[in-house]
N, C-alpha and C. Protein backbone atom coordinates (compact mmCIF):
# COMPACT_ATOMS: atom_id res chain seq x y z
N UNK A 1 22.12 -8.57 -118.62
CA UNK A 1 22.96 -9.35 -119.82
C UNK A 1 21.80 -9.59 -120.44
N UNK A 2 22.19 -9.03 -121.32
CA UNK A 2 21.30 -9.10 -123.12
C UNK A 2 21.13 -10.57 -123.19
N UNK A 3 20.06 -10.43 -124.03
CA UNK A 3 19.04 -11.59 -124.42
C UNK A 3 19.46 -12.06 -125.55
N UNK A 4 20.05 -12.71 -126.45
CA UNK A 4 20.11 -12.97 -127.67
C UNK A 4 19.55 -14.41 -127.83
N UNK A 5 18.42 -13.93 -129.52
CA UNK A 5 17.69 -14.43 -130.05
C UNK A 5 18.05 -15.60 -131.10
N UNK A 6 18.12 -16.77 -130.98
CA UNK A 6 18.70 -17.37 -132.61
C UNK A 6 16.99 -17.06 -133.83
N UNK A 7 17.76 -16.55 -134.25
CA UNK A 7 16.16 -16.73 -135.48
C UNK A 7 15.70 -17.74 -136.23
N UNK A 8 16.81 -18.57 -136.84
CA UNK A 8 16.76 -19.58 -137.30
C UNK A 8 15.87 -20.94 -136.42
N UNK A 9 16.87 -20.66 -135.03
CA UNK A 9 15.66 -21.71 -133.89
C UNK A 9 14.95 -21.90 -134.22
N UNK A 10 14.11 -20.34 -133.97
CA UNK A 10 12.92 -19.96 -133.41
C UNK A 10 11.65 -20.34 -134.51
N UNK A 11 12.57 -19.65 -135.37
CA UNK A 11 11.62 -20.29 -137.29
C UNK A 11 11.80 -21.97 -137.44
N UNK A 12 12.75 -22.69 -136.84
CA UNK A 12 12.41 -24.10 -136.99
C UNK A 12 11.89 -25.23 -135.84
N UNK A 13 11.93 -24.15 -134.82
CA UNK A 13 10.43 -24.18 -133.58
C UNK A 13 9.51 -24.17 -134.31
N UNK A 14 8.74 -23.36 -134.98
CA UNK A 14 7.72 -23.34 -135.14
C UNK A 14 7.18 -23.99 -136.35
N UNK A 15 8.02 -24.36 -137.45
CA UNK A 15 7.86 -25.61 -137.86
C UNK A 15 7.41 -26.32 -137.66
N UNK A 16 8.10 -27.06 -136.86
CA UNK A 16 8.58 -28.13 -136.42
C UNK A 16 6.78 -28.20 -135.71
N UNK A 17 6.93 -26.83 -134.67
CA UNK A 17 4.94 -26.97 -134.83
C UNK A 17 3.89 -27.37 -135.11
N UNK A 18 4.01 -26.11 -136.60
CA UNK A 18 3.10 -26.26 -137.04
C UNK A 18 2.89 -28.40 -137.93
N UNK A 19 3.90 -28.77 -138.18
CA UNK A 19 4.02 -29.74 -138.45
C UNK A 19 3.23 -31.30 -137.62
N UNK A 20 3.53 -30.60 -136.51
CA UNK A 20 2.54 -31.58 -135.30
C UNK A 20 1.64 -31.03 -134.97
N UNK A 21 0.57 -29.77 -135.84
CA UNK A 21 -0.39 -29.52 -135.58
C UNK A 21 -1.31 -30.14 -136.50
N UNK A 22 -0.34 -30.47 -138.14
CA UNK A 22 -1.21 -31.15 -138.64
C UNK A 22 -1.02 -32.51 -138.56
N UNK A 23 -0.38 -33.43 -138.43
CA UNK A 23 -0.43 -34.58 -137.86
C UNK A 23 -1.67 -34.76 -137.06
N UNK A 24 -1.94 -33.73 -136.35
CA UNK A 24 -2.90 -34.11 -134.75
C UNK A 24 -4.11 -33.75 -135.43
N UNK A 25 -4.69 -33.22 -136.71
CA UNK A 25 -5.91 -32.77 -137.04
C UNK A 25 -6.35 -33.72 -137.11
N UNK A 26 -7.80 -34.11 -137.03
CA UNK A 26 -8.90 -35.03 -137.51
C UNK A 26 -8.98 -35.36 -138.85
N UNK A 27 -9.25 -36.23 -139.86
CA UNK A 27 -9.91 -36.05 -140.93
C UNK A 27 -11.15 -35.23 -141.01
N UNK A 28 -11.95 -34.93 -141.54
CA UNK A 28 -13.56 -34.57 -142.02
C UNK A 28 -13.69 -35.47 -142.77
N UNK A 29 -13.23 -36.38 -143.69
CA UNK A 29 -14.14 -37.18 -144.21
C UNK A 29 -13.19 -39.03 -143.82
N UNK A 30 -14.20 -39.69 -144.60
CA UNK A 30 -13.78 -41.27 -144.56
C UNK A 30 -13.53 -41.32 -145.95
N UNK A 31 -12.20 -42.11 -145.96
CA UNK A 31 -12.31 -42.84 -147.63
C UNK A 31 -13.09 -44.68 -147.60
N UNK A 32 -13.96 -44.51 -148.42
CA UNK A 32 -14.17 -46.19 -148.51
C UNK A 32 -14.19 -46.32 -149.99
N UNK A 33 -14.16 -47.96 -150.32
CA UNK A 33 -14.08 -48.47 -151.72
C UNK A 33 -15.15 -49.20 -151.81
N UNK A 34 -15.65 -49.27 -152.90
CA UNK A 34 -17.00 -49.49 -153.16
C UNK A 34 -16.97 -50.18 -154.69
N UNK A 35 -17.48 -51.62 -154.78
CA UNK A 35 -17.60 -51.89 -156.09
C UNK A 35 -18.73 -51.82 -156.81
N UNK A 36 -18.21 -51.71 -157.88
CA UNK A 36 -20.19 -51.14 -158.91
C UNK A 36 -19.81 -52.04 -160.37
N UNK A 37 -21.21 -52.28 -161.18
CA UNK A 37 -20.91 -53.05 -162.10
C UNK A 37 -20.65 -51.97 -163.41
N UNK A 38 -19.99 -52.48 -164.32
CA UNK A 38 -19.33 -51.79 -165.27
C UNK A 38 -20.39 -51.08 -166.00
N UNK A 39 -21.53 -51.28 -166.24
CA UNK A 39 -22.59 -50.42 -166.62
C UNK A 39 -22.62 -49.36 -165.74
N UNK A 40 -22.51 -49.43 -164.26
CA UNK A 40 -22.92 -48.16 -163.75
C UNK A 40 -21.91 -47.60 -163.52
N UNK A 41 -20.67 -48.06 -163.46
CA UNK A 41 -20.02 -47.05 -163.41
C UNK A 41 -19.64 -46.20 -164.64
N UNK A 42 -19.90 -46.76 -165.79
CA UNK A 42 -19.66 -46.46 -167.03
C UNK A 42 -20.96 -44.84 -167.05
N UNK A 43 -21.92 -45.81 -166.77
CA UNK A 43 -23.07 -44.08 -166.30
C UNK A 43 -22.62 -43.30 -165.56
N UNK A 44 -21.25 -43.18 -164.32
CA UNK A 44 -20.88 -42.85 -164.01
C UNK A 44 -20.46 -41.33 -164.45
N UNK A 45 -19.62 -42.24 -164.69
CA UNK A 45 -18.50 -41.59 -165.67
C UNK A 45 -18.92 -40.90 -167.17
N UNK A 46 -19.80 -40.99 -167.32
CA UNK A 46 -20.92 -39.99 -167.83
C UNK A 46 -21.38 -39.05 -167.58
N UNK A 47 -22.20 -39.29 -166.35
CA UNK A 47 -22.75 -38.13 -165.44
C UNK A 47 -21.07 -37.54 -165.24
N UNK A 48 -20.66 -38.19 -165.09
CA UNK A 48 -19.39 -36.57 -164.29
C UNK A 48 -18.87 -35.65 -165.57
N UNK A 49 -18.45 -36.43 -167.07
CA UNK A 49 -18.88 -35.15 -167.35
C UNK A 49 -19.41 -34.69 -167.88
N UNK A 50 -20.35 -35.22 -168.06
CA UNK A 50 -21.39 -34.15 -168.28
C UNK A 50 -22.04 -32.49 -167.55
N UNK A 51 -21.43 -33.19 -166.08
CA UNK A 51 -21.78 -32.17 -165.22
C UNK A 51 -21.48 -31.35 -164.80
N UNK A 52 -19.36 -32.13 -164.55
CA UNK A 52 -18.30 -31.89 -164.17
C UNK A 52 -17.81 -32.23 -163.25
N UNK A 53 -18.00 -33.43 -162.59
CA UNK A 53 -18.58 -33.28 -161.48
C UNK A 53 -17.24 -34.25 -160.54
N UNK A 54 -16.88 -34.44 -159.55
CA UNK A 54 -16.07 -36.09 -159.29
C UNK A 54 -16.75 -37.20 -158.65
N UNK A 55 -16.41 -37.73 -158.82
CA UNK A 55 -16.50 -38.93 -158.46
C UNK A 55 -17.52 -39.09 -157.03
N UNK A 56 -16.78 -38.65 -156.15
CA UNK A 56 -16.64 -38.58 -154.39
C UNK A 56 -18.00 -37.17 -154.09
N UNK A 57 -18.24 -36.53 -155.56
CA UNK A 57 -19.46 -35.60 -155.01
C UNK A 57 -20.71 -36.43 -155.44
N UNK A 58 -20.74 -36.94 -156.50
CA UNK A 58 -22.09 -38.10 -156.89
C UNK A 58 -22.46 -38.64 -156.49
N UNK A 59 -21.23 -39.32 -155.67
CA UNK A 59 -21.97 -40.41 -154.29
C UNK A 59 -22.41 -39.87 -153.22
N UNK A 60 -22.22 -38.41 -153.18
CA UNK A 60 -22.18 -38.25 -151.71
C UNK A 60 -23.45 -37.71 -152.04
N UNK A 61 -23.78 -36.59 -153.18
CA UNK A 61 -25.46 -36.53 -153.47
C UNK A 61 -26.29 -37.76 -153.61
N UNK A 62 -25.78 -38.76 -154.41
CA UNK A 62 -26.50 -39.89 -153.70
C UNK A 62 -26.28 -40.62 -152.52
N UNK A 63 -25.77 -40.67 -151.74
CA UNK A 63 -26.17 -41.04 -150.17
C UNK A 63 -27.26 -40.15 -149.72
N UNK A 64 -26.97 -38.45 -150.24
CA UNK A 64 -27.73 -38.04 -149.13
C UNK A 64 -29.05 -37.91 -149.26
N UNK A 65 -29.43 -38.29 -151.06
CA UNK A 65 -31.19 -38.88 -151.49
C UNK A 65 -30.88 -39.62 -150.78
N UNK A 66 -30.46 -40.84 -150.78
CA UNK A 66 -31.43 -42.20 -150.36
C UNK A 66 -31.14 -42.22 -148.90
N UNK A 67 -30.63 -41.51 -147.81
CA UNK A 67 -31.15 -41.00 -146.92
C UNK A 67 -31.95 -40.23 -146.40
N UNK A 68 -31.84 -39.29 -146.95
CA UNK A 68 -32.99 -38.60 -147.17
C UNK A 68 -35.02 -38.89 -147.27
N UNK A 69 -34.56 -40.06 -148.40
CA UNK A 69 -35.97 -40.38 -148.84
C UNK A 69 -36.48 -41.41 -147.96
N UNK A 70 -35.10 -42.24 -146.69
CA UNK A 70 -35.32 -43.46 -146.13
C UNK A 70 -35.32 -43.26 -145.37
N UNK A 71 -34.75 -42.12 -144.38
CA UNK A 71 -35.13 -41.95 -143.46
C UNK A 71 -34.97 -40.54 -142.52
N UNK A 72 -35.91 -39.87 -143.57
CA UNK A 72 -36.60 -38.44 -142.83
C UNK A 72 -35.79 -38.04 -141.69
N UNK A 73 -35.53 -36.74 -141.78
CA UNK A 73 -35.38 -35.68 -140.62
C UNK A 73 -36.48 -34.78 -139.96
N UNK A 74 -37.58 -36.05 -139.51
CA UNK A 74 -38.45 -34.83 -139.01
C UNK A 74 -38.09 -34.23 -137.31
N UNK A 75 -38.95 -32.83 -137.59
CA UNK A 75 -39.24 -31.56 -137.06
C UNK A 75 -40.22 -31.51 -136.09
N UNK A 76 -40.03 -31.95 -135.01
CA UNK A 76 -41.10 -31.44 -134.46
C UNK A 76 -42.26 -29.71 -134.21
N UNK A 77 -42.94 -29.72 -134.06
CA UNK A 77 -43.46 -28.71 -134.40
C UNK A 77 -43.79 -27.72 -132.72
N UNK A 78 -43.93 -26.53 -132.62
CA UNK A 78 -43.61 -26.17 -131.39
C UNK A 78 -45.02 -27.01 -130.56
N UNK A 79 -46.26 -27.05 -130.76
CA UNK A 79 -47.17 -27.25 -129.74
C UNK A 79 -46.14 -28.88 -129.69
N UNK A 80 -45.69 -30.14 -129.83
CA UNK A 80 -45.14 -31.70 -130.00
C UNK A 80 -44.00 -31.55 -129.29
N UNK A 81 -43.02 -30.42 -129.24
CA UNK A 81 -41.95 -29.48 -128.47
C UNK A 81 -42.28 -29.90 -127.23
N UNK A 82 -43.69 -28.69 -127.01
CA UNK A 82 -43.93 -28.57 -125.56
C UNK A 82 -44.71 -30.16 -124.78
N UNK A 83 -45.51 -30.50 -125.58
CA UNK A 83 -46.09 -31.60 -125.44
C UNK A 83 -44.74 -32.92 -125.28
N UNK A 84 -43.65 -33.24 -125.97
CA UNK A 84 -42.83 -34.00 -125.05
C UNK A 84 -42.18 -33.34 -124.17
N UNK A 85 -41.75 -32.28 -123.76
CA UNK A 85 -41.04 -31.34 -122.39
C UNK A 85 -42.15 -31.83 -121.49
N UNK A 86 -43.75 -31.32 -121.40
CA UNK A 86 -44.33 -32.25 -120.71
C UNK A 86 -44.07 -33.57 -119.98
N UNK A 87 -43.77 -34.26 -121.24
CA UNK A 87 -44.26 -35.74 -121.06
C UNK A 87 -42.87 -36.46 -120.06
N UNK A 88 -41.66 -35.92 -120.47
CA UNK A 88 -40.86 -35.98 -120.01
C UNK A 88 -40.56 -35.32 -118.52
N UNK A 89 -41.55 -34.20 -118.28
CA UNK A 89 -41.34 -33.20 -116.58
C UNK A 89 -42.34 -34.54 -116.40
N UNK A 90 -43.15 -35.08 -116.45
CA UNK A 90 -44.04 -35.85 -115.96
C UNK A 90 -43.11 -37.54 -115.21
N UNK A 91 -42.78 -38.02 -116.74
CA UNK A 91 -41.71 -38.86 -116.44
C UNK A 91 -41.17 -38.98 -114.84
N UNK A 92 -40.03 -37.92 -115.04
CA UNK A 92 -39.35 -37.62 -113.69
C UNK A 92 -39.90 -37.32 -112.81
N UNK A 93 -41.12 -36.47 -112.49
CA UNK A 93 -41.99 -37.09 -111.83
C UNK A 93 -42.45 -37.99 -110.83
N UNK A 94 -42.51 -39.14 -111.94
CA UNK A 94 -43.19 -40.37 -111.09
C UNK A 94 -44.35 -40.49 -112.14
N UNK A 95 -44.74 -39.99 -112.91
CA UNK A 95 -46.34 -39.98 -113.38
C UNK A 95 -46.77 -40.50 -114.26
N UNK A 96 -46.86 -41.74 -114.12
CA UNK A 96 -46.87 -41.98 -115.80
C UNK A 96 -47.15 -44.32 -115.26
N UNK A 97 -47.63 -44.27 -116.11
CA UNK A 97 -48.08 -46.11 -116.32
C UNK A 97 -47.48 -46.97 -117.47
N UNK A 98 -47.00 -47.99 -116.75
CA UNK A 98 -46.27 -48.88 -116.85
C UNK A 98 -47.45 -49.88 -118.46
N UNK A 99 -46.41 -49.88 -119.58
CA UNK A 99 -48.33 -50.78 -120.36
C UNK A 99 -48.26 -51.60 -120.02
N UNK A 100 -47.96 -52.84 -119.12
CA UNK A 100 -48.20 -53.66 -118.72
C UNK A 100 -49.97 -53.87 -117.44
N UNK A 101 -49.44 -52.24 -116.94
CA UNK A 101 -50.12 -52.07 -116.08
C UNK A 101 -51.66 -51.79 -117.24
N UNK A 102 -51.22 -50.37 -118.31
CA UNK A 102 -52.17 -49.96 -119.32
C UNK A 102 -52.99 -51.17 -119.59
N UNK A 103 -52.15 -51.92 -120.23
CA UNK A 103 -52.67 -53.44 -120.83
C UNK A 103 -54.01 -53.98 -119.63
N UNK A 104 -53.23 -54.41 -118.51
CA UNK A 104 -54.60 -54.85 -117.69
C UNK A 104 -55.74 -54.02 -117.55
N UNK A 105 -55.29 -52.27 -116.99
CA UNK A 105 -56.16 -52.15 -117.60
C UNK A 105 -57.45 -51.54 -118.61
N UNK A 106 -57.59 -52.02 -119.24
CA UNK A 106 -58.09 -51.97 -120.89
C UNK A 106 -58.16 -53.08 -121.02
N UNK A 107 -57.73 -54.70 -120.76
CA UNK A 107 -58.83 -55.94 -120.52
C UNK A 107 -59.92 -55.88 -120.10
N UNK A 108 -60.85 -55.37 -120.23
CA UNK A 108 -62.04 -55.43 -119.41
C UNK A 108 -62.97 -56.99 -119.41
N UNK A 109 -63.45 -57.16 -118.41
CA UNK A 109 -63.76 -58.56 -117.85
C UNK A 109 -65.00 -58.89 -118.95
N UNK A 110 -64.99 -60.68 -118.47
CA UNK A 110 -65.95 -61.21 -119.37
C UNK A 110 -67.97 -60.19 -118.78
N UNK A 111 -68.96 -60.23 -119.72
CA UNK A 111 -69.81 -59.69 -118.89
C UNK A 111 -70.17 -60.34 -118.49
N UNK A 112 -71.27 -59.66 -116.99
CA UNK A 112 -72.03 -60.68 -116.36
C UNK A 112 -73.23 -60.70 -116.81
N UNK A 113 -73.99 -62.16 -117.17
CA UNK A 113 -75.39 -61.93 -117.80
C UNK A 113 -76.60 -61.73 -116.69
N UNK A 114 -77.36 -61.22 -118.03
CA UNK A 114 -77.87 -60.16 -116.72
C UNK A 114 -78.94 -60.49 -117.19
N UNK A 115 -80.67 -61.13 -115.81
CA UNK A 115 -81.51 -61.77 -115.40
C UNK A 115 -82.41 -61.35 -116.68
N UNK A 116 -83.47 -62.20 -117.49
CA UNK A 116 -83.91 -60.97 -118.27
C UNK A 116 -85.07 -60.57 -117.02
N UNK A 117 -86.03 -59.43 -118.04
CA UNK A 117 -87.28 -58.90 -117.20
C UNK A 117 -88.06 -59.12 -118.09
N UNK A 118 -89.61 -59.54 -117.16
CA UNK A 118 -90.75 -59.92 -117.66
C UNK A 118 -91.16 -58.20 -118.11
N UNK A 119 -91.26 -58.36 -119.56
CA UNK A 119 -91.92 -56.95 -119.77
C UNK A 119 -93.50 -57.13 -120.05
N UNK A 120 -94.26 -56.10 -119.71
CA UNK A 120 -95.53 -55.75 -119.79
C UNK A 120 -96.43 -55.38 -121.19
N UNK A 121 -97.10 -56.55 -121.71
CA UNK A 121 -97.32 -55.68 -122.74
C UNK A 121 -98.53 -54.59 -123.08
N UNK A 122 -98.07 -53.87 -123.61
CA UNK A 122 -99.01 -52.40 -123.80
C UNK A 122 -100.07 -52.57 -124.54
N UNK A 123 -101.22 -52.27 -124.71
CA UNK A 123 -101.88 -52.29 -125.37
C UNK A 123 -103.28 -52.00 -125.29
């Protein structure tokens, strides 16, 4: 028995699958609404025209700079990474001191008064 294939039906199925795929994709950006004072909005418009950029581009760059200066990403050195791994291993093995114990051990008891000794006069 020969198999017949309706190309129009197959094409419609493919198109509906593409629509489904497009609908299920996640956005890679979030849309936000902000308020700016009129002077700042005008300044932004001037910079936009000068640099031929969109508002979104300018604001993304401003936020990047803000986060970089306020919350810098610190990359540990090779030696620091090794020390972190060693410390985590020690903790995992139970080789650590609690802060309470450390503070207790560092709290030195009051010194006892010592006896005065009589010196012989060197003449």
